[in-house]
Amino acid sequence: MAISVDSPFSLDAWAAKEGYDFPLLSDFSKEVSQAYGSFYEDLIGFKGVSKRSAFVVDKSGTVRYAWITEDARQLPDLDPIRDCLQNCG
């Protein structure tokens, strides 16, 4: 699944446009972003923006992989994520 601070309506439209077949969850309240340390109070004048980040969380709720960047243009390296999905239990 993926989580975004966008509204559920925006996420539904995005999923339909891109053909995603996995859940896109809305963190419109920004509680999840804050709990995971992936939140800007203020980013160049934009209030309440999530940092670009990726997490792998197992079924028990343990974070097995975390990646957070201050550079919103940077995408995560997918290889460590794939590796964790295959090997992190």
C-alpha atoms as a PDB file:
ATOM      1  CA  MET A   1       0.000   0.000   0.000  1.00  0.00           C
ATOM      2  CA  ALA A   2       0.997   3.599  -0.309  1.00  0.00           C
ATOM      3  CA  ILE A   3       0.138   6.555   1.907  1.00  0.00           C
ATOM      4  CA  SER A   4      -0.094  10.189   0.871  1.00  0.00           C
ATOM      5  CA  VAL A   5      -1.307  13.399   2.489  1.00  0.00           C
ATOM      6  CA  ASP A   6      -3.487  13.955  -0.572  1.00  0.00           C
ATOM      7  CA  SER A   7      -7.243  13.618  -0.192  1.00  0.00           C
ATOM      8  CA  PRO A   8      -8.918  10.250  -0.794  1.00  0.00           C
ATOM      9  CA  PHE A   9     -10.546  11.749  -3.894  1.00  0.00           C
ATOM     10  CA  SER A  10      -7.191  12.786  -5.372  1.00  0.00           C
ATOM     11  CA  LEU A  11      -5.732   9.365  -4.606  1.00  0.00           C
ATOM     12  CA  ASP A  12      -8.649   7.579  -6.269  1.00  0.00           C
ATOM     13  CA  ALA A  13      -8.170   9.678  -9.405  1.00  0.00           C
ATOM     14  CA  TRP A  14      -4.406   9.087  -9.387  1.00  0.00           C
ATOM     15  CA  ALA A  15      -4.814   5.322  -8.922  1.00  0.00           C
ATOM     16  CA  ALA A  16      -7.319   5.164 -11.786  1.00  0.00           C
ATOM     17  CA  LYS A  17      -5.070   7.240 -14.073  1.00  0.00           C
ATOM     18  CA  GLU A  18      -1.971   5.151 -13.319  1.00  0.00           C
ATOM     19  CA  GLY A  19      -3.781   1.790 -13.163  1.00  0.00           C
ATOM     20  CA  TYR A  20      -2.585   0.994  -9.633  1.00  0.00           C
ATOM     21  CA  ASP A  21      -4.033  -2.199  -8.199  1.00  0.00           C
ATOM     22  CA  PHE A  22      -2.890  -1.669  -4.603  1.00  0.00           C
ATOM     23  CA  PRO A  23      -4.454   0.487  -1.893  1.00  0.00           C
ATOM     24  CA  LEU A  24      -3.598   4.179  -1.723  1.00  0.00           C
ATOM     25  CA  LEU A  25      -4.380   5.473   1.756  1.00  0.00           C
ATOM     26  CA  SER A  26      -4.951   9.105   2.644  1.00  0.00           C
ATOM     27  CA  ASP A  27      -3.067  10.626   5.577  1.00  0.00           C
ATOM     28  CA  PHE A  28      -4.995  13.854   5.113  1.00  0.00           C
ATOM     29  CA  SER A  29      -4.720  14.537   8.863  1.00  0.00           C
ATOM     30  CA  LYS A  30      -0.934  14.041   8.537  1.00  0.00           C
ATOM     31  CA  GLU A  31      -0.796  11.921  11.704  1.00  0.00           C
ATOM     32  CA  VAL A  32       1.050   9.022  10.045  1.00  0.00           C
ATOM     33  CA  SER A  33       3.637  11.298   8.437  1.00  0.00           C
ATOM     34  CA  GLN A  34       4.333  12.912  11.786  1.00  0.00           C
ATOM     35  CA  ALA A  35       4.515   9.570  13.619  1.00  0.00           C
ATOM     36  CA  TYR A  36       7.108   8.258  11.143  1.00  0.00           C
ATOM     37  CA  GLY A  37       9.289  11.379  11.242  1.00  0.00           C
ATOM     38  CA  SER A  38       8.462  12.180   7.652  1.00  0.00           C
ATOM     39  CA  PHE A  39       6.878  15.602   7.918  1.00  0.00           C
ATOM     40  CA  TYR A  40       7.707  19.239   7.261  1.00  0.00           C
ATOM     41  CA  GLU A  41       5.815  21.766   9.355  1.00  0.00           C
ATOM     42  CA  ASP A  42       6.808  24.287   6.686  1.00  0.00           C
ATOM     43  CA  LEU A  43       8.521  23.623   3.363  1.00  0.00           C
ATOM     44  CA  ILE A  44       9.290  26.871   1.521  1.00  0.00           C
ATOM     45  CA  GLY A  45       5.909  28.239   2.566  1.00  0.00           C
ATOM     46  CA  PHE A  46       3.886  25.052   2.096  1.00  0.00           C
ATOM     47  CA  LYS A  47       2.406  23.950   5.416  1.00  0.00           C
ATOM     48  CA  GLY A  48       2.121  20.308   6.447  1.00  0.00           C
ATOM     49  CA  VAL A  49       3.964  18.519   3.653  1.00  0.00           C
ATOM     50  CA  SER A  50       5.261  14.962   3.904  1.00  0.00           C
ATOM     51  CA  LYS A  51       8.864  14.255   3.088  1.00  0.00           C
ATOM     52  CA  ARG A  52       9.561  11.802   0.293  1.00  0.00           C
ATOM     53  CA  SER A  53       9.983   8.525   2.115  1.00  0.00           C
ATOM     54  CA  ALA A  54       9.576   4.771   1.881  1.00  0.00           C
ATOM     55  CA  PHE A  55       9.012   2.231   4.636  1.00  0.00           C
ATOM     56  CA  VAL A  56       8.613  -1.517   4.782  1.00  0.00           C
ATOM     57  CA  VAL A  57       6.478  -2.481   7.774  1.00  0.00           C
ATOM     58  CA  ASP A  58       5.864  -6.126   8.601  1.00  0.00           C
ATOM     59  CA  LYS A  59       2.567  -7.654   9.723  1.00  0.00           C
ATOM     60  CA  SER A  60       3.431  -7.119  13.396  1.00  0.00           C
ATOM     61  CA  GLY A  61       4.007  -3.392  12.788  1.00  0.00           C
ATOM     62  CA  THR A  62       7.795  -3.497  12.981  1.00  0.00           C
ATOM     63  CA  VAL A  63       9.543  -1.108  10.592  1.00  0.00           C
ATOM     64  CA  ARG A  64      11.977  -3.303   8.661  1.00  0.00           C
ATOM     65  CA  TYR A  65      13.238  -0.623   6.271  1.00  0.00           C
ATOM     66  CA  ALA A  66      13.072   3.174   6.363  1.00  0.00           C
ATOM     67  CA  TRP A  67      14.241   5.790   3.888  1.00  0.00           C
ATOM     68  CA  ILE A  68      13.518   9.518   4.242  1.00  0.00           C
ATOM     69  CA  THR A  69      15.031  12.342   2.234  1.00  0.00           C
ATOM     70  CA  GLU A  70      15.030  16.104   2.593  1.00  0.00           C
ATOM     71  CA  ASP A  71      15.207  16.387  -1.238  1.00  0.00           C
ATOM     72  CA  ALA A  72      11.692  15.994  -2.662  1.00  0.00           C
ATOM     73  CA  ARG A  73      13.168  15.470  -6.137  1.00  0.00           C
ATOM     74  CA  GLN A  74      15.005  12.327  -5.043  1.00  0.00           C
ATOM     75  CA  LEU A  75      13.326   8.955  -5.448  1.00  0.00           C
ATOM     76  CA  PRO A  76      14.254   5.999  -3.245  1.00  0.00           C
ATOM     77  CA  ASP A  77      16.507   3.253  -4.547  1.00  0.00           C
ATOM     78  CA  LEU A  78      14.047   0.405  -5.069  1.00  0.00           C
ATOM     79  CA  ASP A  79      16.619  -2.404  -4.762  1.00  0.00           C
ATOM     80  CA  PRO A  80      16.907  -2.242  -0.938  1.00  0.00           C
ATOM     81  CA  ILE A  81      13.123  -2.114  -0.695  1.00  0.00           C
ATOM     82  CA  ARG A  82      12.751  -5.183  -2.915  1.00  0.00           C
ATOM     83  CA  ASP A  83      15.459  -6.949  -0.931  1.00  0.00           C
ATOM     84  CA  CYS A  84      13.703  -6.214   2.337  1.00  0.00           C
ATOM     85  CA  LEU A  85      10.344  -7.354   0.968  1.00  0.00           C
ATOM     86  CA  GLN A  86      11.939 -10.664  -0.002  1.00  0.00           C
ATOM     87  CA  ASN A  87      14.163 -11.186   3.047  1.00  0.00           C
ATOM     88  CA  CYS A  88      12.873  -9.216   6.039  1.00  0.00           C
ATOM     89  CA  GLY A  89      10.507 -11.882   7.276  1.00  0.00           C
END
